[in-house]
Protein backbone atom coordinates (compact mmCIF):
# COMPACT_ATOMS: atom_id res chain seq x y z
CA MET A 1 79.89 158.10 168.16
CA THR A 2 75.76 157.87 169.73
CA SER A 3 75.30 155.42 171.73
CA CYS A 4 72.09 154.34 172.41
CA GLY A 5 70.33 151.39 174.01
CA ALA A 6 67.36 150.52 170.85
CA PRO A 7 67.37 150.58 167.62
CA PRO A 8 67.60 153.74 166.23
CA ALA A 9 65.11 155.35 163.76
CA CYS A 10 67.43 155.68 161.70
CA CYS A 11 71.36 154.91 160.37
CA ARG A 12 71.87 157.67 158.22
CA ARG A 13 75.61 156.88 155.32
CA GLY A 14 77.93 157.88 157.14
CA ASP A 15 76.82 157.83 161.01
CA ASP A 16 78.32 155.68 163.91
CA ARG A 17 76.43 154.15 166.59
CA ASN A 18 76.84 151.91 168.96
CA LEU A 19 73.59 150.10 170.53
CA GLN A 20 74.20 148.28 173.51
CA ARG A 21 72.85 145.69 174.35
CA SER A 22 69.70 146.89 173.16
CA TYR A 23 67.88 144.36 171.49
CA TYR A 24 68.86 141.79 172.45
CA GLU A 25 68.00 141.98 176.05
CA GLU A 26 65.28 140.40 175.21
CA VAL A 27 66.84 137.52 174.31
CA LEU A 28 68.96 137.05 177.06
CA VAL A 29 66.78 139.00 180.61
CA ASP A 30 63.95 137.67 179.34
CA ARG A 31 65.29 133.83 179.08
CA VAL A 32 66.07 133.94 182.18
CA HIS A 33 63.82 135.27 183.57
CA PRO A 34 60.25 134.58 182.48
CA GLU A 35 57.97 136.59 184.48
CA LEU A 36 59.10 139.27 182.46
CA LEU A 37 58.78 138.23 179.26
CA GLY A 38 56.72 140.73 176.94
CA ARG A 39 56.84 143.11 180.20
CA GLY A 40 52.40 144.70 179.00
CA LYS A 41 53.63 144.37 174.90
CA PRO A 42 52.51 142.03 173.48
CA VAL A 43 55.10 138.94 172.37
CA SER A 44 54.20 136.33 169.24
CA GLY A 45 50.32 135.41 169.92
CA ASN A 46 50.84 132.33 172.33
CA LEU A 47 53.15 130.63 171.39
CA PRO A 48 55.68 128.70 173.04
CA PRO A 49 59.37 129.70 174.79
CA ALA A 50 61.06 127.86 172.28
CA GLN A 51 58.69 129.68 169.24
CA VAL A 52 59.01 133.17 171.16
CA TRP A 53 62.92 133.26 171.17
CA GLN A 54 63.35 131.98 168.04
CA ASP A 55 61.14 134.68 166.07
CA ARG A 56 63.39 137.11 168.60
CA TYR A 57 65.95 135.65 166.65
CA GLU A 58 64.02 135.89 163.12
CA ASP A 59 63.42 139.47 163.78
CA ILE A 60 67.18 140.15 165.18
CA ASN A 61 68.59 138.84 161.62
CA ALA A 62 65.88 140.84 159.46
CA PHE A 63 66.54 144.15 161.28
CA GLU A 64 70.96 143.76 161.07
CA ARG A 65 70.37 143.13 157.71
CA HIS A 66 68.27 145.73 156.77
CA LEU A 67 70.84 147.63 158.47
CA GLN A 68 73.59 146.02 156.11
CA ARG A 69 71.98 146.19 152.84
CA ASN A 70 71.49 149.62 153.91
CA GLY A 71 75.48 150.74 154.03
CA THR A 72 76.28 149.97 157.58
CA ARG A 73 78.36 148.06 158.73
CA ILE A 74 78.15 145.38 162.29
CA VAL A 75 80.63 144.90 164.44
CA LYS A 76 79.49 142.67 167.33
CA LEU A 77 81.80 141.89 170.24
CA PHE A 78 80.75 139.81 173.04
CA LEU A 79 83.33 140.62 175.89
CA HIS A 80 82.92 136.33 178.06
CA VAL A 81 84.07 137.03 181.18
CA SER A 82 85.15 134.37 183.32
CA LYS A 83 82.68 133.83 186.44
CA ALA A 84 85.37 133.58 188.31
CA GLU A 85 86.46 136.48 186.98
CA GLN A 86 83.62 138.89 187.67
CA LYS A 87 83.14 137.14 190.63
CA ASP A 88 87.44 138.77 191.04
CA ARG A 89 85.96 142.79 190.18
CA PHE A 90 83.07 142.47 192.08
CA LEU A 91 84.92 142.47 195.59
CA LYS A 92 86.89 145.11 193.84
CA ARG A 93 83.84 147.29 193.99
CA LEU A 94 83.14 146.25 196.78
CA ASP A 95 87.23 147.01 198.59
CA ASP A 96 87.26 150.56 196.68
CA PRO A 97 85.07 152.97 197.71
CA ASP A 98 86.32 154.67 194.18
CA LYS A 99 84.39 151.72 192.72
CA ASN A 100 81.75 151.11 194.76
CA TRP A 101 79.37 153.02 192.84
CA LYS A 102 79.86 150.24 189.62
CA PHE A 103 77.85 147.57 191.91
CA SER A 104 74.68 147.02 192.73
CA SER A 105 73.36 144.10 194.77
CA ASN A 106 71.13 142.79 192.16
CA ASP A 107 74.99 142.10 189.91
CA LEU A 108 74.65 139.83 192.29
CA ALA A 109 70.97 138.11 192.20
CA GLU A 110 72.31 138.21 189.06
CA ARG A 111 75.39 135.54 189.24
CA GLY A 112 73.16 133.93 191.11
CA HIS A 113 71.37 132.81 187.43
CA TRP A 114 75.36 132.67 185.71
CA ASP A 115 74.01 129.05 184.39
CA ASP A 116 71.31 130.07 182.70
CA TYR A 117 72.93 133.68 181.04
CA ARG A 118 75.19 130.94 179.97
CA THR A 119 72.32 128.70 178.00
CA ALA A 120 70.73 131.96 175.97
CA TYR A 121 74.11 134.14 175.69
CA GLU A 122 75.37 130.48 173.06
CA ASP A 123 71.56 129.82 171.23
CA ALA A 124 71.17 134.19 171.17
CA LEU A 125 74.69 134.19 169.77
CA THR A 126 75.08 131.07 167.06
CA ALA A 127 71.25 132.14 166.16
CA THR A 128 72.47 135.83 164.87
CA SER A 129 75.93 134.94 163.81
CA THR A 130 75.02 135.72 160.33
CA ASP A 131 78.07 136.14 157.63
CA TRP A 132 76.31 139.59 157.10
CA ALA A 133 77.12 140.54 161.22
CA PRO A 134 79.04 137.88 162.42
CA TRP A 135 79.74 137.63 166.38
CA PHE A 136 83.54 137.99 167.37
CA VAL A 137 83.11 136.51 171.43
CA VAL A 138 86.76 138.03 173.19
CA PRO A 139 87.78 136.46 176.07
CA ALA A 140 88.26 139.60 178.21
CA ASP A 141 89.60 138.36 182.11
CA HIS A 142 92.50 140.14 181.00
CA LYS A 143 91.56 144.23 180.17
CA TYR A 144 95.07 144.42 177.93
CA ALA A 145 94.29 141.47 175.71
CA LEU A 146 90.87 142.37 175.68
CA ARG A 147 91.53 145.78 174.95
CA ALA A 148 94.36 144.83 172.20
CA LEU A 149 91.72 142.28 170.39
CA VAL A 150 89.08 144.77 170.35
CA GLY A 151 91.62 147.92 168.97
CA GLY A 152 92.65 144.81 166.47
CA ILE A 153 88.56 143.87 165.34
CA ILE A 154 87.64 147.77 164.39
CA VAL A 155 90.63 148.58 162.86
CA HIS A 156 89.91 144.88 160.79
CA ALA A 157 86.34 146.58 160.13
CA ILE A 158 87.82 150.26 159.70
CA ASP A 159 90.05 148.82 156.63
CA GLU A 160 87.35 146.32 154.43
CA LEU A 161 85.33 150.03 154.66
CA ASP A 162 87.75 151.45 152.29
CA LEU A 163 87.31 154.41 152.69
CA GLN A 164 87.87 157.16 151.10
CA PRO A 165 88.71 161.18 151.56
CA PRO A 166 85.85 163.32 150.12
CA ALA A 167 86.59 165.03 146.46
CA LEU A 168 87.71 168.31 145.63
CA SER A 169 86.04 169.99 142.54
CA PRO A 170 88.18 172.98 141.07
CA PRO A 171 87.11 175.59 142.38
CA GLU A 172 87.69 174.57 146.00
CA TYR A 173 91.47 172.92 144.88
CA GLU A 174 91.75 176.75 143.18
CA ALA A 175 90.39 177.94 147.08
CA LEU A 176 93.47 176.18 148.01
CA ALA A 177 95.17 176.90 145.55
CA ARG A 178 94.53 180.64 146.92
CA ALA A 179 94.93 179.96 150.57
CA LYS A 180 98.76 178.35 150.12
CA SER A 181 99.72 181.86 148.45
CA GLU A 182 98.01 183.64 151.63
CA LEU A 183 99.29 182.05 154.51
CA LEU A 184 103.10 180.87 152.42
CA ALA A 185 102.82 185.74 151.39
CA GLU A 186 103.13 186.26 155.63
C-alpha cells in the first residue's frame, strides 16, 4: 500500500492507495484560514467564498467518481475525536518525553479554531459523501473501538470486491504437478 498526500497521477487496477487528507485540506484549512486561499495558485476566479467551496466539492466528487468508474474502491474514514479527548491526548504528549515529538505548538493554535473546523468538516463531509464514495464517521475517543470499527469497514469493503485468485493456464497446472511430484520424491 502506498500513502500519499496528493491525488495520485494514476491509479492502476490492483494498486492500493492511502490518501491522507490530501485534496480535502483545501476545503478545510483554507476555509478556516481564508488568508491561505490559493497560496499563489489560481482560485476559481473572483467568485464569492461559498461558490469556491462548492466548486471544490464538485471537483472532489468528480475526481472520486472518475476513480470509481475506473475500478478504484474508495473508502473514506473520518476519525472523530472529541475536544475533551484531544485535550487529553495533547497533555499526554506534553507529559511523556517519548511522545513529545507528536506535539506541535501549532496544534494548540489550531485548537482555538475548533468550531470553525467543525463547521468546515461537517460541510465537506455532507457535500462529498456520495453513493460511490461515502464517508464513514468513526468515533475515535476510544482507540480499541476505533480499531474494531475501522477494521470492520475495511473488511466489508474488501469482501465487496469479490476477489478471486488468478486463473492458471494448463502449462502452469502441469508445472505445479511436476513440482509436487518432485517434492514428494525427496
